[in-house]
Amino acid sequence: MLNEKQNGESKGKYAWVSKWAKMTGERARIDAKVNNTYIVYEKNGKLVKEFPNGNIIPLNTSEES
């Protein structure tokens, strides 16, 4: 019963959040490509760097830039 309510409300009332998050990620990739840099995000519970050429490497959190 709870799942039905969550699924029904979430899809209608908060659908824009998923769309906005996806568009934000796409925009970050475009900016990274234009500026020849990378984006950082969480994948499988770990932070990773994704470069414009598609390479994805783990982010070393002890690394200082």
N, C-alpha and C. Protein backbone atom coordinates (compact mmCIF):
# COMPACT_ATOMS: atom_id res chain seq x y z
N MET A 1 0.82 -1.19 0.00
CA MET A 1 0.00 0.00 0.00
C MET A 1 0.87 1.26 0.00
N LEU A 2 1.90 1.25 0.83
CA LEU A 2 2.80 2.40 0.89
C LEU A 2 3.53 2.58 -0.44
N ASN A 3 3.99 1.47 -1.04
CA ASN A 3 4.69 1.56 -2.32
C ASN A 3 3.81 2.12 -3.41
N GLU A 4 2.53 1.74 -3.41
CA GLU A 4 1.63 2.25 -4.43
C GLU A 4 1.49 3.77 -4.32
N LYS A 5 1.35 4.25 -3.08
CA LYS A 5 1.22 5.69 -2.87
C LYS A 5 2.50 6.40 -3.27
N GLN A 6 3.64 5.87 -2.86
CA GLN A 6 4.92 6.49 -3.20
C GLN A 6 5.12 6.51 -4.71
N ASN A 7 4.86 5.40 -5.37
CA ASN A 7 5.04 5.34 -6.82
C ASN A 7 4.12 6.30 -7.54
N GLY A 8 2.88 6.34 -7.15
CA GLY A 8 1.91 7.22 -7.80
C GLY A 8 2.23 8.69 -7.58
N GLU A 9 2.52 9.07 -6.34
CA GLU A 9 2.81 10.47 -6.03
C GLU A 9 4.15 10.91 -6.59
N SER A 10 5.16 10.05 -6.44
CA SER A 10 6.50 10.41 -6.88
C SER A 10 6.55 10.67 -8.38
N LYS A 11 5.87 9.84 -9.14
CA LYS A 11 5.91 10.00 -10.59
C LYS A 11 5.24 11.30 -11.02
N GLY A 12 4.13 11.66 -10.38
CA GLY A 12 3.41 12.85 -10.79
C GLY A 12 3.95 14.11 -10.15
N LYS A 13 4.10 14.09 -8.85
CA LYS A 13 4.42 15.29 -8.11
C LYS A 13 5.89 15.67 -8.19
N TYR A 14 6.77 14.69 -8.20
CA TYR A 14 8.21 14.97 -8.16
C TYR A 14 8.95 14.47 -9.40
N ALA A 15 8.27 14.23 -10.47
CA ALA A 15 8.91 13.74 -11.69
C ALA A 15 9.94 14.73 -12.21
N TRP A 16 9.71 16.02 -11.97
CA TRP A 16 10.63 17.04 -12.46
C TRP A 16 12.01 16.91 -11.82
N VAL A 17 12.10 16.35 -10.62
CA VAL A 17 13.39 16.23 -9.93
C VAL A 17 14.31 15.29 -10.71
N SER A 18 13.80 14.15 -11.13
CA SER A 18 14.61 13.20 -11.90
C SER A 18 15.05 13.82 -13.23
N LYS A 19 14.13 14.50 -13.87
CA LYS A 19 14.45 15.14 -15.15
C LYS A 19 15.52 16.22 -14.96
N TRP A 20 15.36 17.02 -13.92
CA TRP A 20 16.31 18.09 -13.63
C TRP A 20 17.70 17.52 -13.32
N ALA A 21 17.75 16.46 -12.51
CA ALA A 21 19.04 15.84 -12.16
C ALA A 21 19.72 15.30 -13.41
N LYS A 22 18.97 14.65 -14.29
CA LYS A 22 19.54 14.11 -15.52
C LYS A 22 20.08 15.23 -16.41
N MET A 23 19.32 16.32 -16.53
CA MET A 23 19.75 17.44 -17.37
C MET A 23 20.99 18.11 -16.78
N THR A 24 21.08 18.17 -15.45
CA THR A 24 22.25 18.76 -14.79
C THR A 24 23.49 17.94 -15.09
N GLY A 25 23.37 16.61 -15.03
CA GLY A 25 24.50 15.73 -15.34
C GLY A 25 24.95 15.86 -16.79
N GLU A 26 23.97 15.96 -17.69
CA GLU A 26 24.30 16.12 -19.10
C GLU A 26 25.02 17.45 -19.32
N ARG A 27 24.55 18.49 -18.66
CA ARG A 27 25.19 19.81 -18.80
C ARG A 27 26.61 19.79 -18.25
N ALA A 28 26.82 19.08 -17.15
CA ALA A 28 28.17 18.96 -16.58
C ALA A 28 29.11 18.27 -17.56
N ARG A 29 28.62 17.24 -18.24
CA ARG A 29 29.46 16.55 -19.23
C ARG A 29 29.82 17.47 -20.39
N ILE A 30 28.86 18.26 -20.83
CA ILE A 30 29.12 19.21 -21.93
C ILE A 30 30.16 20.24 -21.49
N ASP A 31 29.99 20.80 -20.30
CA ASP A 31 30.95 21.79 -19.79
C ASP A 31 32.34 21.19 -19.65
N ALA A 32 32.42 19.95 -19.18
CA ALA A 32 33.72 19.29 -19.02
C ALA A 32 34.40 19.12 -20.38
N LYS A 33 33.62 18.76 -21.37
CA LYS A 33 34.18 18.57 -22.71
C LYS A 33 34.71 19.90 -23.27
N VAL A 34 33.91 20.95 -23.13
CA VAL A 34 34.30 22.27 -23.64
C VAL A 34 35.55 22.79 -22.94
N ASN A 35 35.64 22.56 -21.63
CA ASN A 35 36.75 23.08 -20.84
C ASN A 35 37.89 22.08 -20.66
N ASN A 36 37.79 20.93 -21.33
CA ASN A 36 38.81 19.88 -21.26
C ASN A 36 39.16 19.53 -19.81
N THR A 37 38.12 19.22 -19.04
CA THR A 37 38.29 18.83 -17.65
C THR A 37 37.45 17.58 -17.39
N TYR A 38 37.12 17.28 -16.17
CA TYR A 38 36.38 16.08 -15.84
C TYR A 38 35.24 16.40 -14.89
N ILE A 39 34.31 15.44 -14.74
CA ILE A 39 33.26 15.57 -13.75
C ILE A 39 33.48 14.50 -12.69
N VAL A 40 32.97 14.74 -11.51
CA VAL A 40 33.08 13.80 -10.40
C VAL A 40 31.66 13.42 -9.98
N TYR A 41 31.45 12.12 -9.81
CA TYR A 41 30.16 11.64 -9.33
C TYR A 41 30.34 10.31 -8.63
N GLU A 42 29.27 9.84 -8.00
CA GLU A 42 29.32 8.58 -7.28
C GLU A 42 28.83 7.45 -8.19
N LYS A 43 29.61 6.38 -8.23
CA LYS A 43 29.25 5.21 -9.01
C LYS A 43 29.55 3.98 -8.16
N ASN A 44 28.55 3.17 -7.93
CA ASN A 44 28.68 1.98 -7.09
C ASN A 44 29.24 2.29 -5.72
N GLY A 45 28.82 3.42 -5.16
CA GLY A 45 29.23 3.78 -3.81
C GLY A 45 30.59 4.43 -3.69
N LYS A 46 31.26 4.69 -4.81
CA LYS A 46 32.60 5.31 -4.78
C LYS A 46 32.62 6.51 -5.71
N LEU A 47 33.43 7.51 -5.35
CA LEU A 47 33.57 8.68 -6.20
C LEU A 47 34.50 8.36 -7.37
N VAL A 48 34.12 8.82 -8.55
CA VAL A 48 34.92 8.61 -9.76
C VAL A 48 35.04 9.90 -10.54
N LYS A 49 36.08 9.97 -11.37
CA LYS A 49 36.27 11.06 -12.32
C LYS A 49 35.92 10.51 -13.69
N GLU A 50 35.13 11.27 -14.46
CA GLU A 50 34.84 10.89 -15.84
C GLU A 50 35.37 11.98 -16.75
N PHE A 51 36.24 11.59 -17.67
CA PHE A 51 36.87 12.52 -18.60
C PHE A 51 36.07 12.58 -19.90
N PRO A 52 36.22 13.66 -20.67
CA PRO A 52 35.48 13.81 -21.91
C PRO A 52 35.67 12.66 -22.90
N ASN A 53 36.81 11.96 -22.85
CA ASN A 53 37.06 10.86 -23.77
C ASN A 53 36.38 9.57 -23.32
N GLY A 54 35.66 9.61 -22.18
CA GLY A 54 34.94 8.45 -21.70
C GLY A 54 35.65 7.65 -20.63
N ASN A 55 36.93 7.95 -20.39
CA ASN A 55 37.66 7.24 -19.34
C ASN A 55 37.08 7.58 -17.97
N ILE A 56 36.89 6.56 -17.14
CA ILE A 56 36.38 6.73 -15.79
C ILE A 56 37.40 6.11 -14.84
N ILE A 57 37.89 6.92 -13.90
CA ILE A 57 38.88 6.41 -12.94
C ILE A 57 38.40 6.75 -11.52
N PRO A 58 38.78 5.92 -10.53
CA PRO A 58 38.41 6.23 -9.15
C PRO A 58 39.05 7.53 -8.68
N LEU A 59 38.32 8.27 -7.87
CA LEU A 59 38.85 9.51 -7.32
C LEU A 59 39.61 9.16 -6.05
N ASN A 60 40.86 9.55 -6.00
CA ASN A 60 41.67 9.33 -4.82
C ASN A 60 41.41 10.49 -3.87
N THR A 61 40.64 10.25 -2.81
CA THR A 61 40.23 11.33 -1.91
C THR A 61 41.39 11.90 -1.11
N SER A 62 42.50 11.20 -1.01
CA SER A 62 43.66 11.73 -0.29
C SER A 62 44.51 12.62 -1.20
N GLU A 63 44.18 12.65 -2.48
CA GLU A 63 44.91 13.44 -3.49
C GLU A 63 44.56 14.91 -3.31
N GLU A 64 45.55 15.79 -3.31
CA GLU A 64 45.30 17.22 -3.23
C GLU A 64 45.65 17.86 -4.56
N SER A 65 44.81 18.76 -5.02
CA SER A 65 45.04 19.42 -6.30
C SER A 65 45.65 20.77 -6.10
